N, C-alpha and C. Protein backbone atom coordinates (compact mmCIF):
# COMPACT_ATOMS: atom_id res chain seq x y z
N THR A 1 2.48 15.02 -4.47
CA THR A 1 1.99 14.86 -5.77
C THR A 1 1.02 13.74 -5.87
N GLY A 2 1.15 12.76 -5.04
CA GLY A 2 0.15 11.72 -4.97
C GLY A 2 -1.16 12.24 -4.47
N VAL A 3 -1.19 12.97 -3.45
CA VAL A 3 -2.45 13.59 -2.93
C VAL A 3 -3.08 14.49 -3.95
N ALA A 4 -2.30 15.36 -4.50
CA ALA A 4 -2.75 16.28 -5.55
C ALA A 4 -3.40 15.51 -6.72
N THR A 5 -2.77 14.48 -7.17
CA THR A 5 -3.33 13.65 -8.29
C THR A 5 -4.60 12.99 -7.93
N ALA A 6 -4.65 12.37 -6.64
CA ALA A 6 -5.89 11.79 -6.24
C ALA A 6 -7.05 12.77 -6.12
N LEU A 7 -6.77 13.98 -5.63
CA LEU A 7 -7.80 15.02 -5.50
C LEU A 7 -8.28 15.42 -6.93
N GLU A 8 -7.38 15.53 -7.89
CA GLU A 8 -7.70 15.77 -9.28
C GLU A 8 -8.63 14.75 -9.85
N MET A 9 -8.31 13.50 -9.57
CA MET A 9 -9.25 12.43 -10.07
C MET A 9 -10.61 12.57 -9.40
N TRP A 10 -10.69 12.90 -8.14
CA TRP A 10 -11.96 13.12 -7.48
C TRP A 10 -12.74 14.30 -8.19
N LYS A 11 -12.04 15.32 -8.46
CA LYS A 11 -12.67 16.51 -9.09
C LYS A 11 -13.24 16.15 -10.48
N VAL A 12 -12.41 15.42 -11.23
CA VAL A 12 -12.80 15.07 -12.65
C VAL A 12 -14.05 14.22 -12.51
N PHE A 13 -14.07 13.10 -11.74
CA PHE A 13 -15.06 12.17 -11.65
C PHE A 13 -16.22 12.50 -10.74
N SER A 14 -16.11 13.66 -10.04
CA SER A 14 -17.34 14.18 -9.35
C SER A 14 -18.23 14.85 -10.32
N LYS A 15 -17.65 15.32 -11.47
CA LYS A 15 -18.41 15.97 -12.57
C LYS A 15 -18.85 14.94 -13.58
N GLU A 16 -17.94 14.07 -13.95
CA GLU A 16 -18.23 13.03 -14.96
C GLU A 16 -18.44 11.72 -14.16
N ARG A 17 -19.65 11.45 -13.84
CA ARG A 17 -19.98 10.32 -12.97
C ARG A 17 -19.67 8.92 -13.62
N LEU A 18 -19.18 8.02 -12.80
CA LEU A 18 -18.89 6.65 -13.17
C LEU A 18 -20.10 5.84 -12.82
N LYS A 19 -20.34 4.79 -13.60
CA LYS A 19 -21.46 3.95 -13.35
C LYS A 19 -21.29 2.86 -12.37
N HIS A 20 -19.97 2.26 -12.47
CA HIS A 20 -19.79 0.99 -11.64
C HIS A 20 -18.57 1.15 -10.76
N THR A 21 -18.02 2.36 -10.64
CA THR A 21 -16.76 2.52 -9.91
C THR A 21 -16.84 3.64 -8.92
N ARG A 22 -16.41 3.43 -7.69
CA ARG A 22 -16.28 4.55 -6.75
C ARG A 22 -14.85 4.79 -6.43
N ILE A 23 -14.47 6.04 -6.42
CA ILE A 23 -13.15 6.46 -6.12
C ILE A 23 -13.08 6.97 -4.73
N LYS A 24 -12.16 6.38 -3.93
CA LYS A 24 -11.84 6.91 -2.61
C LYS A 24 -10.44 7.57 -2.74
N VAL A 25 -10.43 8.75 -2.13
CA VAL A 25 -9.18 9.51 -2.07
C VAL A 25 -8.55 9.34 -0.73
N VAL A 26 -7.41 8.54 -0.58
CA VAL A 26 -6.87 8.21 0.68
C VAL A 26 -5.41 8.71 0.66
N SER A 27 -4.96 9.35 1.70
CA SER A 27 -3.58 9.65 1.93
C SER A 27 -3.06 9.00 3.16
N PHE A 28 -2.02 8.18 3.00
CA PHE A 28 -1.47 7.40 4.07
C PHE A 28 -0.34 8.28 4.72
N GLY A 29 -0.37 8.33 6.02
CA GLY A 29 0.74 8.93 6.74
C GLY A 29 1.81 7.87 7.12
N SER A 30 2.85 8.28 7.63
CA SER A 30 3.94 7.37 8.15
C SER A 30 4.37 6.39 7.12
N GLU A 31 4.62 6.88 5.87
CA GLU A 31 5.21 5.90 4.89
C GLU A 31 6.65 5.55 5.20
N GLU A 32 7.43 6.61 5.56
CA GLU A 32 8.85 6.33 5.76
C GLU A 32 9.15 5.42 6.98
N PRO A 33 8.40 5.47 8.04
CA PRO A 33 8.64 4.54 9.08
C PRO A 33 7.91 3.22 8.89
N ALA A 34 8.41 2.41 7.92
CA ALA A 34 7.89 1.08 7.67
C ALA A 34 6.43 1.00 7.21
N LEU A 35 6.05 1.95 6.43
CA LEU A 35 4.68 1.93 5.79
C LEU A 35 3.58 1.83 6.81
N ARG A 36 3.72 2.38 8.00
CA ARG A 36 2.76 2.21 9.12
C ARG A 36 1.33 2.66 8.75
N GLY A 37 1.29 3.76 8.07
CA GLY A 37 -0.03 4.37 7.69
C GLY A 37 -0.85 3.41 6.78
N SER A 38 -0.24 3.04 5.71
CA SER A 38 -0.97 2.13 4.77
C SER A 38 -1.27 0.76 5.39
N GLU A 39 -0.25 0.30 6.26
CA GLU A 39 -0.51 -0.98 6.87
C GLU A 39 -1.65 -0.98 7.86
N ALA A 40 -1.72 0.20 8.55
CA ALA A 40 -2.90 0.34 9.56
C ALA A 40 -4.22 0.47 8.80
N TYR A 41 -4.16 1.22 7.73
CA TYR A 41 -5.39 1.33 6.91
C TYR A 41 -5.91 -0.07 6.40
N VAL A 42 -4.94 -0.82 5.82
CA VAL A 42 -5.31 -2.12 5.37
C VAL A 42 -5.84 -3.00 6.50
N LYS A 43 -5.20 -3.03 7.60
CA LYS A 43 -5.62 -3.84 8.74
C LYS A 43 -7.08 -3.42 9.18
N MET A 44 -7.29 -2.09 9.18
CA MET A 44 -8.56 -1.66 9.73
C MET A 44 -9.72 -1.89 8.66
N HIS A 45 -9.38 -1.94 7.42
CA HIS A 45 -10.49 -1.87 6.38
C HIS A 45 -10.38 -3.06 5.42
N LYS A 46 -9.64 -4.09 5.72
CA LYS A 46 -9.39 -5.14 4.75
C LYS A 46 -10.70 -5.79 4.31
N GLU A 47 -11.54 -6.21 5.23
CA GLU A 47 -12.85 -6.86 4.77
C GLU A 47 -13.66 -6.02 3.95
N GLU A 48 -13.73 -4.77 4.26
CA GLU A 48 -14.54 -3.71 3.48
C GLU A 48 -13.91 -3.69 2.07
N LEU A 49 -12.56 -3.60 2.03
CA LEU A 49 -11.87 -3.48 0.72
C LEU A 49 -12.14 -4.69 -0.10
N ILE A 50 -12.13 -5.83 0.49
CA ILE A 50 -12.45 -7.12 -0.25
C ILE A 50 -13.85 -7.06 -0.81
N GLN A 51 -14.86 -6.75 0.02
CA GLN A 51 -16.26 -6.67 -0.39
C GLN A 51 -16.47 -5.66 -1.46
N GLU A 52 -15.73 -4.62 -1.49
CA GLU A 52 -15.83 -3.61 -2.53
C GLU A 52 -15.04 -3.94 -3.79
N ASN A 53 -14.25 -4.99 -3.86
CA ASN A 53 -13.45 -5.30 -4.95
C ASN A 53 -12.52 -4.12 -5.17
N ALA A 54 -11.96 -3.55 -4.07
CA ALA A 54 -11.11 -2.39 -4.16
C ALA A 54 -9.78 -2.62 -4.88
N VAL A 55 -9.22 -1.70 -5.48
CA VAL A 55 -7.96 -1.70 -6.15
C VAL A 55 -7.29 -0.41 -5.85
N LEU A 56 -6.01 -0.52 -5.26
CA LEU A 56 -5.20 0.64 -4.97
C LEU A 56 -4.34 1.00 -6.18
N ILE A 57 -4.48 2.33 -6.60
CA ILE A 57 -3.54 2.85 -7.61
C ILE A 57 -2.81 3.88 -6.71
N ASN A 58 -1.61 3.53 -6.36
CA ASN A 58 -0.75 4.39 -5.41
C ASN A 58 0.10 5.31 -6.30
N ILE A 59 0.07 6.62 -5.97
CA ILE A 59 0.92 7.57 -6.71
C ILE A 59 1.94 8.14 -5.78
N ASP A 60 3.16 8.08 -6.19
CA ASP A 60 4.29 8.46 -5.33
C ASP A 60 5.40 9.23 -6.04
N THR A 61 5.55 10.46 -5.68
CA THR A 61 6.65 11.28 -6.17
C THR A 61 6.67 11.48 -7.72
N ILE A 62 5.69 12.23 -8.19
CA ILE A 62 5.61 12.56 -9.54
C ILE A 62 6.42 13.79 -9.88
N LYS A 63 7.59 13.76 -10.44
CA LYS A 63 8.41 14.98 -10.59
C LYS A 63 8.36 15.42 -12.05
N ASP A 64 8.35 14.54 -13.08
CA ASP A 64 8.35 14.93 -14.43
C ASP A 64 7.69 13.79 -15.29
N LYS A 65 7.34 14.14 -16.53
CA LYS A 65 6.75 13.14 -17.41
C LYS A 65 7.74 12.21 -18.03
N ASN A 66 8.99 12.51 -18.04
CA ASN A 66 9.97 11.68 -18.62
C ASN A 66 10.30 10.43 -17.81
N ASN A 67 9.88 10.48 -16.60
CA ASN A 67 10.22 9.32 -15.67
C ASN A 67 8.90 8.67 -15.12
N LEU A 68 7.75 8.84 -15.74
CA LEU A 68 6.57 8.18 -15.25
C LEU A 68 6.83 6.68 -15.37
N THR A 69 6.67 5.96 -14.30
CA THR A 69 6.98 4.55 -14.21
C THR A 69 5.90 3.80 -13.56
N ILE A 70 5.44 2.77 -14.21
CA ILE A 70 4.55 1.80 -13.59
C ILE A 70 5.37 0.77 -12.86
N VAL A 71 5.17 0.79 -11.53
CA VAL A 71 5.98 -0.10 -10.83
C VAL A 71 5.37 -1.53 -10.78
N ASP A 72 6.06 -2.46 -11.34
CA ASP A 72 5.45 -3.87 -11.37
C ASP A 72 5.88 -4.81 -10.22
N ALA A 73 6.88 -4.32 -9.43
CA ALA A 73 7.38 -5.06 -8.28
C ALA A 73 8.17 -4.14 -7.37
N GLU A 74 8.40 -4.51 -6.18
CA GLU A 74 9.19 -3.79 -5.26
C GLU A 74 10.30 -4.70 -4.73
N THR A 75 11.52 -4.35 -4.93
CA THR A 75 12.61 -5.21 -4.63
C THR A 75 12.75 -5.51 -3.10
N ASN A 76 12.71 -4.40 -2.35
CA ASN A 76 12.95 -4.42 -0.90
C ASN A 76 11.92 -5.29 -0.17
N THR A 77 10.67 -5.18 -0.69
CA THR A 77 9.62 -5.92 0.02
C THR A 77 9.21 -7.17 -0.56
N LEU A 78 9.81 -7.50 -1.71
CA LEU A 78 9.57 -8.77 -2.51
C LEU A 78 8.10 -8.82 -3.04
N VAL A 79 7.53 -7.62 -3.24
CA VAL A 79 6.20 -7.59 -3.72
C VAL A 79 6.15 -7.59 -5.20
N LYS A 80 5.21 -8.34 -5.89
CA LYS A 80 4.97 -8.27 -7.27
C LYS A 80 3.50 -7.91 -7.38
N TYR A 81 3.29 -6.94 -8.29
CA TYR A 81 1.92 -6.44 -8.49
C TYR A 81 1.26 -7.31 -9.56
N PRO A 82 -0.09 -7.37 -9.51
CA PRO A 82 -0.80 -8.26 -10.46
C PRO A 82 -0.52 -7.89 -11.91
N LYS A 83 -0.21 -8.91 -12.68
CA LYS A 83 0.14 -8.65 -14.09
C LYS A 83 -1.01 -8.08 -14.85
N ASP A 84 -2.23 -8.52 -14.60
CA ASP A 84 -3.35 -8.02 -15.32
C ASP A 84 -3.60 -6.57 -14.98
N LEU A 85 -3.41 -6.15 -13.82
CA LEU A 85 -3.57 -4.77 -13.38
C LEU A 85 -2.51 -3.90 -13.99
N VAL A 86 -1.32 -4.30 -14.00
CA VAL A 86 -0.18 -3.65 -14.68
C VAL A 86 -0.50 -3.53 -16.12
N SER A 87 -0.96 -4.53 -16.77
CA SER A 87 -1.25 -4.51 -18.20
C SER A 87 -2.36 -3.52 -18.46
N LYS A 88 -3.42 -3.48 -17.71
CA LYS A 88 -4.50 -2.47 -17.82
C LYS A 88 -3.92 -1.05 -17.71
N MET A 89 -3.01 -0.90 -16.76
CA MET A 89 -2.49 0.51 -16.62
C MET A 89 -1.63 0.83 -17.84
N GLU A 90 -0.81 -0.20 -18.31
CA GLU A 90 0.00 0.09 -19.50
C GLU A 90 -0.88 0.48 -20.72
N ALA A 91 -2.00 -0.22 -20.83
CA ALA A 91 -2.88 0.06 -21.91
C ALA A 91 -3.44 1.50 -21.90
N ALA A 92 -3.80 1.90 -20.69
CA ALA A 92 -4.23 3.30 -20.46
C ALA A 92 -3.16 4.31 -20.83
N PHE A 93 -1.99 4.07 -20.38
CA PHE A 93 -0.87 5.05 -20.74
C PHE A 93 -0.75 5.06 -22.29
N LYS A 94 -0.78 3.95 -22.98
CA LYS A 94 -0.73 3.89 -24.41
C LYS A 94 -1.89 4.62 -25.08
N GLU A 95 -3.08 4.27 -24.63
CA GLU A 95 -4.28 4.92 -25.16
C GLU A 95 -4.16 6.48 -25.01
N ALA A 96 -3.73 6.92 -23.86
CA ALA A 96 -3.55 8.36 -23.59
C ALA A 96 -2.33 9.02 -24.30
N ASP A 97 -1.64 8.13 -24.96
CA ASP A 97 -0.41 8.64 -25.62
C ASP A 97 0.62 9.31 -24.60
N VAL A 98 0.79 8.56 -23.50
CA VAL A 98 1.66 9.11 -22.45
C VAL A 98 2.78 8.02 -22.36
N ALA A 99 4.02 8.49 -22.49
CA ALA A 99 5.30 7.68 -22.36
C ALA A 99 5.35 7.20 -20.94
N TYR A 100 5.92 6.01 -20.79
CA TYR A 100 6.05 5.44 -19.51
C TYR A 100 7.12 4.42 -19.55
N LYS A 101 7.57 4.05 -18.33
CA LYS A 101 8.50 2.86 -18.15
C LYS A 101 7.77 1.85 -17.31
N LYS A 102 8.11 0.68 -17.30
CA LYS A 102 7.65 -0.38 -16.45
C LYS A 102 8.84 -1.06 -15.79
N LEU A 103 9.05 -0.88 -14.51
CA LEU A 103 10.12 -1.38 -13.79
C LEU A 103 9.88 -1.80 -12.36
N PRO A 104 10.66 -2.66 -11.79
CA PRO A 104 10.55 -2.86 -10.41
C PRO A 104 11.20 -1.68 -9.65
N LEU A 105 10.69 -1.38 -8.49
CA LEU A 105 11.24 -0.31 -7.64
C LEU A 105 12.51 -0.85 -7.01
N PRO A 106 13.67 -0.29 -7.37
CA PRO A 106 14.93 -0.89 -6.90
C PRO A 106 15.32 -0.62 -5.41
N ILE A 107 14.70 0.32 -4.82
CA ILE A 107 15.11 0.72 -3.46
C ILE A 107 13.88 1.28 -2.78
N GLY A 108 13.73 1.18 -1.48
CA GLY A 108 12.67 1.79 -0.76
C GLY A 108 11.44 0.89 -0.91
N ALA A 109 10.25 1.59 -0.65
CA ALA A 109 8.99 0.87 -0.75
C ALA A 109 7.90 1.90 -0.85
N THR A 110 6.79 1.51 -1.45
CA THR A 110 5.63 2.47 -1.59
C THR A 110 4.48 1.82 -0.73
N ASP A 111 3.44 2.65 -0.53
CA ASP A 111 2.28 2.18 0.19
C ASP A 111 1.59 1.07 -0.47
N GLY A 112 1.77 0.85 -1.79
CA GLY A 112 1.18 -0.22 -2.43
C GLY A 112 1.58 -1.63 -1.80
N THR A 113 2.69 -1.59 -1.28
CA THR A 113 3.29 -2.81 -0.63
C THR A 113 2.29 -3.39 0.50
N SER A 114 1.68 -2.54 1.22
CA SER A 114 0.83 -2.97 2.36
C SER A 114 -0.41 -3.62 1.78
N PHE A 115 -0.88 -3.14 0.62
CA PHE A 115 -2.09 -3.81 0.06
C PHE A 115 -1.69 -5.20 -0.53
N ALA A 116 -0.62 -5.12 -1.24
CA ALA A 116 -0.12 -6.39 -1.96
C ALA A 116 0.17 -7.58 -1.00
N ILE A 117 0.80 -7.17 0.13
CA ILE A 117 1.17 -8.19 1.13
C ILE A 117 -0.08 -8.79 1.77
N SER A 118 -1.22 -8.00 1.82
CA SER A 118 -2.42 -8.45 2.37
C SER A 118 -3.35 -9.11 1.25
N GLY A 119 -2.76 -9.30 0.14
CA GLY A 119 -3.53 -9.99 -0.94
C GLY A 119 -4.50 -9.06 -1.71
N LEU A 120 -4.46 -7.79 -1.47
CA LEU A 120 -5.38 -6.85 -2.21
C LEU A 120 -4.64 -6.34 -3.45
N PRO A 121 -5.35 -6.24 -4.56
CA PRO A 121 -4.81 -5.76 -5.79
C PRO A 121 -4.37 -4.34 -5.68
N ALA A 122 -3.11 -4.03 -6.16
CA ALA A 122 -2.57 -2.69 -6.12
C ALA A 122 -1.42 -2.62 -7.10
N LEU A 123 -1.07 -1.30 -7.32
CA LEU A 123 0.14 -1.05 -8.16
C LEU A 123 0.50 0.34 -7.73
N SER A 124 1.78 0.68 -7.99
CA SER A 124 2.32 2.03 -7.72
C SER A 124 2.78 2.68 -9.02
N ILE A 125 2.65 3.99 -9.07
CA ILE A 125 3.22 4.78 -10.11
C ILE A 125 4.10 5.81 -9.54
N ILE A 126 5.30 5.92 -10.06
CA ILE A 126 6.31 6.96 -9.66
C ILE A 126 6.65 7.81 -10.78
N GLY A 127 7.20 8.96 -10.51
CA GLY A 127 7.56 9.92 -11.64
C GLY A 127 8.91 10.53 -11.34
N MET A 128 9.84 9.75 -10.95
CA MET A 128 11.24 10.20 -10.75
C MET A 128 12.16 9.13 -11.30
N ASP A 129 13.41 9.54 -11.62
CA ASP A 129 14.40 8.63 -12.18
C ASP A 129 14.70 7.59 -11.12
N SER A 130 14.51 6.28 -11.41
CA SER A 130 14.80 5.23 -10.58
C SER A 130 16.14 4.62 -10.80
N LYS A 131 16.92 5.17 -11.70
CA LYS A 131 18.22 4.61 -12.02
C LYS A 131 19.39 5.33 -11.25
N LYS A 132 19.01 6.58 -10.85
CA LYS A 132 20.10 7.34 -10.07
C LYS A 132 19.37 8.07 -8.96
N TYR A 133 20.15 8.41 -7.99
CA TYR A 133 19.61 9.17 -6.83
C TYR A 133 19.17 10.53 -7.16
N ASP A 134 18.05 10.91 -6.82
CA ASP A 134 17.57 12.24 -7.05
C ASP A 134 17.77 13.12 -5.75
N PRO A 135 18.59 14.22 -5.89
CA PRO A 135 18.95 14.97 -4.70
C PRO A 135 17.70 15.54 -3.97
N SER A 136 16.52 15.66 -4.65
CA SER A 136 15.34 16.17 -3.96
C SER A 136 14.54 15.19 -3.29
N TYR A 137 14.87 13.88 -3.41
CA TYR A 137 14.09 12.81 -2.84
C TYR A 137 14.24 12.90 -1.30
N HIS A 138 13.18 13.24 -0.62
CA HIS A 138 13.04 13.30 0.79
C HIS A 138 14.17 14.20 1.48
N THR A 139 14.37 15.34 0.77
CA THR A 139 15.27 16.32 1.26
C THR A 139 14.63 17.69 1.28
N ARG A 140 15.25 18.68 1.71
CA ARG A 140 14.68 20.04 1.69
C ARG A 140 14.46 20.53 0.27
N LEU A 141 15.03 19.84 -0.71
CA LEU A 141 14.83 20.19 -2.17
C LEU A 141 13.52 19.61 -2.67
N ASP A 142 12.87 18.81 -1.86
CA ASP A 142 11.60 18.15 -2.31
C ASP A 142 10.48 19.20 -2.22
N ASN A 143 10.38 20.09 -3.17
CA ASN A 143 9.45 21.18 -3.15
C ASN A 143 8.97 21.52 -4.66
N LEU A 144 8.05 22.44 -4.74
CA LEU A 144 7.47 22.72 -6.10
C LEU A 144 8.48 23.24 -7.00
N GLU A 145 9.54 23.86 -6.60
CA GLU A 145 10.61 24.45 -7.42
C GLU A 145 11.28 23.35 -8.28
N HIS A 146 11.28 22.05 -7.67
CA HIS A 146 11.99 20.99 -8.36
C HIS A 146 10.94 20.03 -8.99
N LEU A 147 9.77 20.52 -9.24
CA LEU A 147 8.72 19.73 -9.79
C LEU A 147 8.34 20.26 -11.26
N ASN A 148 8.16 19.40 -12.19
CA ASN A 148 7.71 19.90 -13.43
C ASN A 148 6.29 19.38 -13.63
N PRO A 149 5.32 20.39 -13.72
CA PRO A 149 3.90 20.00 -13.71
C PRO A 149 3.45 19.27 -14.88
N ASP A 150 4.33 19.04 -15.94
CA ASP A 150 3.91 18.25 -17.09
C ASP A 150 3.75 16.77 -16.70
N GLY A 151 4.49 16.38 -15.73
CA GLY A 151 4.37 14.96 -15.24
C GLY A 151 3.02 14.73 -14.63
N LEU A 152 2.44 15.71 -13.94
CA LEU A 152 1.20 15.53 -13.28
C LEU A 152 0.07 15.55 -14.30
N GLU A 153 0.21 16.40 -15.34
CA GLU A 153 -0.74 16.47 -16.52
C GLU A 153 -0.78 15.18 -17.31
N ALA A 154 0.36 14.66 -17.55
CA ALA A 154 0.49 13.41 -18.38
C ALA A 154 -0.17 12.27 -17.55
N LEU A 155 0.22 12.18 -16.27
CA LEU A 155 -0.33 11.12 -15.41
C LEU A 155 -1.92 11.27 -15.32
N LYS A 156 -2.34 12.49 -15.17
CA LYS A 156 -3.79 12.72 -15.13
C LYS A 156 -4.46 12.18 -16.38
N ALA A 157 -3.93 12.39 -17.54
CA ALA A 157 -4.50 11.90 -18.79
C ALA A 157 -4.57 10.39 -18.75
N ALA A 158 -3.52 9.74 -18.32
CA ALA A 158 -3.52 8.23 -18.37
C ALA A 158 -4.41 7.69 -17.29
N LEU A 159 -4.50 8.33 -16.13
CA LEU A 159 -5.44 7.85 -15.08
C LEU A 159 -6.84 8.01 -15.48
N ILE A 160 -7.20 9.08 -16.18
CA ILE A 160 -8.58 9.24 -16.63
C ILE A 160 -8.98 8.13 -17.57
N VAL A 161 -8.02 7.82 -18.48
CA VAL A 161 -8.32 6.68 -19.39
C VAL A 161 -8.44 5.36 -18.57
N PHE A 162 -7.57 5.15 -17.68
CA PHE A 162 -7.64 3.92 -16.91
C PHE A 162 -8.94 3.77 -16.09
N ILE A 163 -9.34 4.91 -15.49
CA ILE A 163 -10.56 4.80 -14.67
C ILE A 163 -11.82 4.60 -15.55
N LYS A 164 -11.85 5.33 -16.68
CA LYS A 164 -13.03 5.09 -17.64
C LYS A 164 -13.02 3.69 -18.14
N ASN A 165 -11.93 3.22 -18.54
CA ASN A 165 -11.86 1.82 -19.04
C ASN A 165 -12.26 0.78 -17.95
N TRP A 166 -11.77 1.02 -16.77
CA TRP A 166 -12.14 0.19 -15.58
C TRP A 166 -13.56 0.11 -15.42
N ASP A 167 -14.19 1.41 -15.35
CA ASP A 167 -15.57 1.46 -15.09
C ASP A 167 -16.44 0.78 -16.15
N LYS A 168 -15.98 0.94 -17.41
CA LYS A 168 -16.66 0.41 -18.55
C LYS A 168 -16.70 -1.14 -18.51
N ASN A 169 -15.68 -1.76 -17.99
CA ASN A 169 -15.50 -3.13 -17.91
C ASN A 169 -15.97 -3.93 -16.68
N GLN A 170 -16.55 -3.08 -15.76
CA GLN A 170 -17.10 -3.65 -14.56
C GLN A 170 -18.49 -4.20 -14.66
């Protein structure tokens, strides 16, 4: 769902050009074995990311719109995401009239961690219940049958607002 959402943003903004913002669509491999993919990406591109004033908006497991959550911290990795970035994302969700939660990730980790640990601005958005275990999380049930596309559409609306506002304020 993260890759699908990122590709959708690329499609939208390849037609509706931004003036001050460039979108990179990046998919990190090896998340489960200690975030190796995102860690390697940051290590390889850190100076370039700093020069570009890059910001990572990491999308992870969007199952439905009732559980769209802006992750403001990650408990396992002790990461806290920048308050101003989280606030801007909250404002975008509100402007797009998309319901959301704002919570720390209670278990596991997202690829946003690798950026935050390296001092690069990032945040993660998830779309599954973080209060109880979801039986489709990383199991054979993690498939389209257990995905409600309304979450992807709602997130798309919020991200479009976020990106347009970001571009306008650069």
